[in-house]
Amino acid sequence: MAGPLQRRAAGRAGGLIDAGRLRVGIDGVFPLSAAPQAHARAERGHLQGKIVLRVVD
């Protein structure tokens, strides 16, 4: 479970994202059914951001 410090940091990060002052880099978006391919992409390295698995269309 997250402690008070982690919750405060997450809240601050969320505020920065909402304000457009912090951007999260996304390397690729994959459907959940392509999780093995997404994992392989991450293992190859050279990512330019995070890999996102889309759970619902």
PDB file of N, CA and C in Angstrom:
ATOM      1  N   MET A   1       0.822  -1.183   0.000  1.00  0.00           N
ATOM      2  CA  MET A   1       0.000   0.000   0.000  1.00  0.00           C
ATOM      3  C   MET A   1       0.867   1.247   0.000  1.00  0.00           C
ATOM      4  N   ALA A   2       0.430   2.249  -0.710  1.00  0.00           N
ATOM      5  CA  ALA A   2       1.194   3.494  -0.798  1.00  0.00           C
ATOM      6  C   ALA A   2       1.053   4.280   0.498  1.00  0.00           C
ATOM      7  N   GLY A   3       2.155   4.846   0.917  1.00  0.00           N
ATOM      8  CA  GLY A   3       2.141   5.686   2.105  1.00  0.00           C
ATOM      9  C   GLY A   3       1.793   7.120   1.743  1.00  0.00           C
ATOM     10  N   PRO A   4       1.749   7.990   2.744  1.00  0.00           N
ATOM     11  CA  PRO A   4       1.369   9.391   2.500  1.00  0.00           C
ATOM     12  C   PRO A   4       2.291  10.104   1.516  1.00  0.00           C
ATOM     13  N   LEU A   5       3.581   9.798   1.561  1.00  0.00           N
ATOM     14  CA  LEU A   5       4.528  10.453   0.657  1.00  0.00           C
ATOM     15  C   LEU A   5       4.262  10.053  -0.793  1.00  0.00           C
ATOM     16  N   GLN A   6       4.009   8.771  -1.024  1.00  0.00           N
ATOM     17  CA  GLN A   6       3.727   8.296  -2.377  1.00  0.00           C
ATOM     18  C   GLN A   6       2.401   8.866  -2.893  1.00  0.00           C
ATOM     19  N   ARG A   7       1.387   8.917  -2.034  1.00  0.00           N
ATOM     20  CA  ARG A   7       0.099   9.477  -2.454  1.00  0.00           C
ATOM     21  C   ARG A   7       0.239  10.959  -2.802  1.00  0.00           C
ATOM     22  N   ARG A   8       1.013  11.679  -2.011  1.00  0.00           N
ATOM     23  CA  ARG A   8       1.223  13.110  -2.275  1.00  0.00           C
ATOM     24  C   ARG A   8       1.962  13.305  -3.598  1.00  0.00           C
ATOM     25  N   ALA A   9       2.983  12.474  -3.844  1.00  0.00           N
ATOM     26  CA  ALA A   9       3.744  12.578  -5.092  1.00  0.00           C
ATOM     27  C   ALA A   9       2.862  12.237  -6.289  1.00  0.00           C
ATOM     28  N   ALA A  10       2.034  11.203  -6.154  1.00  0.00           N
ATOM     29  CA  ALA A  10       1.130  10.825  -7.249  1.00  0.00           C
ATOM     30  C   ALA A  10       0.127  11.942  -7.520  1.00  0.00           C
ATOM     31  N   GLY A  11      -0.379  12.564  -6.472  1.00  0.00           N
ATOM     32  CA  GLY A  11      -1.316  13.671  -6.646  1.00  0.00           C
ATOM     33  C   GLY A  11      -0.661  14.856  -7.342  1.00  0.00           C
ATOM     34  N   ARG A  12       0.574  15.143  -6.981  1.00  0.00           N
ATOM     35  CA  ARG A  12       1.298  16.250  -7.624  1.00  0.00           C
ATOM     36  C   ARG A  12       1.553  15.938  -9.096  1.00  0.00           C
ATOM     37  N   ALA A  13       1.981  14.710  -9.386  1.00  0.00           N
ATOM     38  CA  ALA A  13       2.223  14.318 -10.775  1.00  0.00           C
ATOM     39  C   ALA A  13       0.932  14.420 -11.579  1.00  0.00           C
ATOM     40  N   GLY A  14      -0.173  13.962 -11.002  1.00  0.00           N
ATOM     41  CA  GLY A  14      -1.466  14.059 -11.693  1.00  0.00           C
ATOM     42  C   GLY A  14      -1.843  15.496 -11.999  1.00  0.00           C
ATOM     43  N   GLY A  15      -1.592  16.378 -11.051  1.00  0.00           N
ATOM     44  CA  GLY A  15      -1.869  17.799 -11.275  1.00  0.00           C
ATOM     45  C   GLY A  15      -1.021  18.379 -12.389  1.00  0.00           C
ATOM     46  N   LEU A  16       0.244  17.995 -12.441  1.00  0.00           N
ATOM     47  CA  LEU A  16       1.137  18.471 -13.507  1.00  0.00           C
ATOM     48  C   LEU A  16       0.696  17.949 -14.872  1.00  0.00           C
ATOM     49  N   ILE A  17       0.261  16.692 -14.914  1.00  0.00           N
ATOM     50  CA  ILE A  17      -0.234  16.125 -16.170  1.00  0.00           C
ATOM     51  C   ILE A  17      -1.485  16.869 -16.613  1.00  0.00           C
ATOM     52  N   ASP A  18      -2.422  17.069 -15.683  1.00  0.00           N
ATOM     53  CA  ASP A  18      -3.661  17.784 -16.007  1.00  0.00           C
ATOM     54  C   ASP A  18      -3.385  19.198 -16.512  1.00  0.00           C
ATOM     55  N   ALA A  19      -2.355  19.840 -15.955  1.00  0.00           N
ATOM     56  CA  ALA A  19      -2.013  21.209 -16.350  1.00  0.00           C
ATOM     57  C   ALA A  19      -1.203  21.259 -17.636  1.00  0.00           C
ATOM     58  N   GLY A  20      -0.834  20.102 -18.178  1.00  0.00           N
ATOM     59  CA  GLY A  20      -0.044  20.065 -19.402  1.00  0.00           C
ATOM     60  C   GLY A  20       1.425  20.370 -19.185  1.00  0.00           C
ATOM     61  N   ARG A  21       1.878  20.325 -17.935  1.00  0.00           N
ATOM     62  CA  ARG A  21       3.268  20.648 -17.630  1.00  0.00           C
ATOM     63  C   ARG A  21       4.151  19.404 -17.552  1.00  0.00           C
ATOM     64  N   LEU A  22       3.525  18.233 -17.578  1.00  0.00           N
ATOM     65  CA  LEU A  22       4.263  16.979 -17.538  1.00  0.00           C
ATOM     66  C   LEU A  22       3.624  16.055 -18.557  1.00  0.00           C
ATOM     67  N   ARG A  23       4.439  15.515 -19.417  1.00  0.00           N
ATOM     68  CA  ARG A  23       3.931  14.619 -20.451  1.00  0.00           C
ATOM     69  C   ARG A  23       4.533  13.243 -20.263  1.00  0.00           C
ATOM     70  N   VAL A  24       3.706  12.247 -20.485  1.00  0.00           N
ATOM     71  CA  VAL A  24       4.151  10.869 -20.390  1.00  0.00           C
ATOM     72  C   VAL A  24       4.393  10.375 -21.811  1.00  0.00           C
ATOM     73  N   GLY A  25       5.606   9.938 -22.080  1.00  0.00           N
ATOM     74  CA  GLY A  25       5.929   9.437 -23.408  1.00  0.00           C
ATOM     75  C   GLY A  25       5.358   8.036 -23.616  1.00  0.00           C
ATOM     76  N   ILE A  26       4.704   7.848 -24.742  1.00  0.00           N
ATOM     77  CA  ILE A  26       4.131   6.545 -25.071  1.00  0.00           C
ATOM     78  C   ILE A  26       4.786   6.044 -26.346  1.00  0.00           C
ATOM     79  N   ASP A  27       5.409   4.893 -26.244  1.00  0.00           N
ATOM     80  CA  ASP A  27       6.090   4.301 -27.387  1.00  0.00           C
ATOM     81  C   ASP A  27       5.111   3.559 -28.291  1.00  0.00           C
ATOM     82  N   GLY A  28       4.127   2.921 -27.697  1.00  0.00           N
ATOM     83  CA  GLY A  28       3.172   2.161 -28.502  1.00  0.00           C
ATOM     84  C   GLY A  28       1.948   1.779 -27.701  1.00  0.00           C
ATOM     85  N   VAL A  29       0.840   1.563 -28.408  1.00  0.00           N
ATOM     86  CA  VAL A  29      -0.410   1.121 -27.807  1.00  0.00           C
ATOM     87  C   VAL A  29      -0.795  -0.189 -28.480  1.00  0.00           C
ATOM     88  N   PHE A  30      -1.024  -1.207 -27.676  1.00  0.00           N
ATOM     89  CA  PHE A  30      -1.348  -2.530 -28.176  1.00  0.00           C
ATOM     90  C   PHE A  30      -2.653  -2.997 -27.547  1.00  0.00           C
ATOM     91  N   PRO A  31      -3.467  -3.761 -28.293  1.00  0.00           N
ATOM     92  CA  PRO A  31      -4.630  -4.382 -27.657  1.00  0.00           C
ATOM     93  C   PRO A  31      -4.142  -5.441 -26.676  1.00  0.00           C
ATOM     94  N   LEU A  32      -4.948  -5.734 -25.673  1.00  0.00           N
ATOM     95  CA  LEU A  32      -4.559  -6.722 -24.674  1.00  0.00           C
ATOM     96  C   LEU A  32      -4.217  -8.064 -25.315  1.00  0.00           C
ATOM     97  N   SER A  33      -4.894  -8.384 -26.390  1.00  0.00           N
ATOM     98  CA  SER A  33      -4.628  -9.659 -27.077  1.00  0.00           C
ATOM     99  C   SER A  33      -3.217  -9.716 -27.666  1.00  0.00           C
ATOM    100  N   ALA A  34      -2.572  -8.572 -27.825  1.00  0.00           N
ATOM    101  CA  ALA A  34      -1.211  -8.518 -28.374  1.00  0.00           C
ATOM    102  C   ALA A  34      -0.170  -8.293 -27.272  1.00  0.00           C
ATOM    103  N   ALA A  35      -0.521  -8.659 -26.037  1.00  0.00           N
ATOM    104  CA  ALA A  35       0.414  -8.471 -24.921  1.00  0.00           C
ATOM    105  C   ALA A  35       1.762  -9.150 -25.166  1.00  0.00           C
ATOM    106  N   PRO A  36       1.804 -10.350 -25.736  1.00  0.00           N
ATOM    107  CA  PRO A  36       3.118 -10.959 -25.994  1.00  0.00           C
ATOM    108  C   PRO A  36       3.980 -10.113 -26.954  1.00  0.00           C
ATOM    109  N   GLN A  37       3.364  -9.542 -27.984  1.00  0.00           N
ATOM    110  CA  GLN A  37       4.113  -8.697 -28.914  1.00  0.00           C
ATOM    111  C   GLN A  37       4.574  -7.408 -28.219  1.00  0.00           C
ATOM    112  N   ALA A  38       3.733  -6.863 -27.355  1.00  0.00           N
ATOM    113  CA  ALA A  38       4.112  -5.650 -26.620  1.00  0.00           C
ATOM    114  C   ALA A  38       5.297  -5.946 -25.703  1.00  0.00           C
ATOM    115  N   HIS A  39       5.253  -7.080 -25.048  1.00  0.00           N
ATOM    116  CA  HIS A  39       6.349  -7.474 -24.156  1.00  0.00           C
ATOM    117  C   HIS A  39       7.635  -7.663 -24.947  1.00  0.00           C
ATOM    118  N   ALA A  40       7.535  -8.295 -26.104  1.00  0.00           N
ATOM    119  CA  ALA A  40       8.715  -8.483 -26.954  1.00  0.00           C
ATOM    120  C   ALA A  40       9.278  -7.138 -27.385  1.00  0.00           C
ATOM    121  N   ARG A  41       8.415  -6.198 -27.719  1.00  0.00           N
ATOM    122  CA  ARG A  41       8.860  -4.853 -28.105  1.00  0.00           C
ATOM    123  C   ARG A  41       9.637  -4.205 -26.969  1.00  0.00           C
ATOM    124  N   ALA A  42       9.120  -4.338 -25.762  1.00  0.00           N
ATOM    125  CA  ALA A  42       9.793  -3.743 -24.604  1.00  0.00           C
ATOM    126  C   ALA A  42      11.141  -4.406 -24.352  1.00  0.00           C
ATOM    127  N   GLU A  43      11.206  -5.711 -24.532  1.00  0.00           N
ATOM    128  CA  GLU A  43      12.466  -6.419 -24.287  1.00  0.00           C
ATOM    129  C   GLU A  43      13.537  -6.097 -25.319  1.00  0.00           C
ATOM    130  N   ARG A  44      13.122  -5.718 -26.528  1.00  0.00           N
ATOM    131  CA  ARG A  44      14.107  -5.340 -27.554  1.00  0.00           C
ATOM    132  C   ARG A  44      14.820  -4.058 -27.177  1.00  0.00           C
ATOM    133  N   GLY A  45      14.190  -3.253 -26.335  1.00  0.00           N
ATOM    134  CA  GLY A  45      14.825  -2.017 -25.868  1.00  0.00           C
ATOM    135  C   GLY A  45      14.623  -0.859 -26.825  1.00  0.00           C
ATOM    136  N   HIS A  46      15.346   0.220 -26.572  1.00  0.00           N
ATOM    137  CA  HIS A  46      15.295   1.439 -27.381  1.00  0.00           C
ATOM    138  C   HIS A  46      13.892   2.051 -27.409  1.00  0.00           C
ATOM    139  N   LEU A  47      13.165   1.910 -26.312  1.00  0.00           N
ATOM    140  CA  LEU A  47      11.821   2.490 -26.240  1.00  0.00           C
ATOM    141  C   LEU A  47      11.921   4.002 -26.129  1.00  0.00           C
ATOM    142  N   GLN A  48      10.938   4.676 -26.662  1.00  0.00           N
ATOM    143  CA  GLN A  48      10.853   6.135 -26.575  1.00  0.00           C
ATOM    144  C   GLN A  48       9.757   6.553 -25.598  1.00  0.00           C
ATOM    145  N   GLY A  49       9.340   5.628 -24.752  1.00  0.00           N
ATOM    146  CA  GLY A  49       8.292   5.897 -23.781  1.00  0.00           C
ATOM    147  C   GLY A  49       7.759   4.578 -23.248  1.00  0.00           C
ATOM    148  N   LYS A  50       6.571   4.631 -22.724  1.00  0.00           N
ATOM    149  CA  LYS A  50       5.945   3.460 -22.141  1.00  0.00           C
ATOM    150  C   LYS A  50       5.131   2.690 -23.175  1.00  0.00           C
ATOM    151  N   ILE A  51       4.931   1.418 -22.896  1.00  0.00           N
ATOM    152  CA  ILE A  51       4.057   0.577 -23.704  1.00  0.00           C
ATOM    153  C   ILE A  51       2.705   0.552 -22.995  1.00  0.00           C
ATOM    154  N   VAL A  52       1.630   0.781 -23.737  1.00  0.00           N
ATOM    155  CA  VAL A  52       0.282   0.794 -23.182  1.00  0.00           C
ATOM    156  C   VAL A  52      -0.486  -0.398 -23.730  1.00  0.00           C
ATOM    157  N   LEU A  53      -1.142  -1.145 -22.830  1.00  0.00           N
ATOM    158  CA  LEU A  53      -2.023  -2.215 -23.249  1.00  0.00           C
ATOM    159  C   LEU A  53      -3.453  -1.707 -23.150  1.00  0.00           C
ATOM    160  N   ARG A  54      -4.157  -1.714 -24.269  1.00  0.00           N
ATOM    161  CA  ARG A  54      -5.550  -1.255 -24.314  1.00  0.00           C
ATOM    162  C   ARG A  54      -6.439  -2.426 -23.897  1.00  0.00           C
ATOM    163  N   VAL A  55      -7.161  -2.249 -22.786  1.00  0.00           N
ATOM    164  CA  VAL A  55      -7.974  -3.332 -22.234  1.00  0.00           C
ATOM    165  C   VAL A  55      -9.361  -3.332 -22.849  1.00  0.00           C
ATOM    166  N   VAL A  56      -9.914  -2.157 -23.125  1.00  0.00           N
ATOM    167  CA  VAL A  56     -11.262  -2.040 -23.677  1.00  0.00           C
ATOM    168  C   VAL A  56     -11.193  -1.220 -24.959  1.00  0.00           C
ATOM    169  N   ASP A  57     -11.912  -1.680 -25.976  1.00  0.00           N
ATOM    170  CA  ASP A  57     -11.965  -0.903 -27.221  1.00  0.00           C
ATOM    171  C   ASP A  57     -13.045   0.139 -27.162  1.00  0.00           C
TER     172      ASP A  57
END
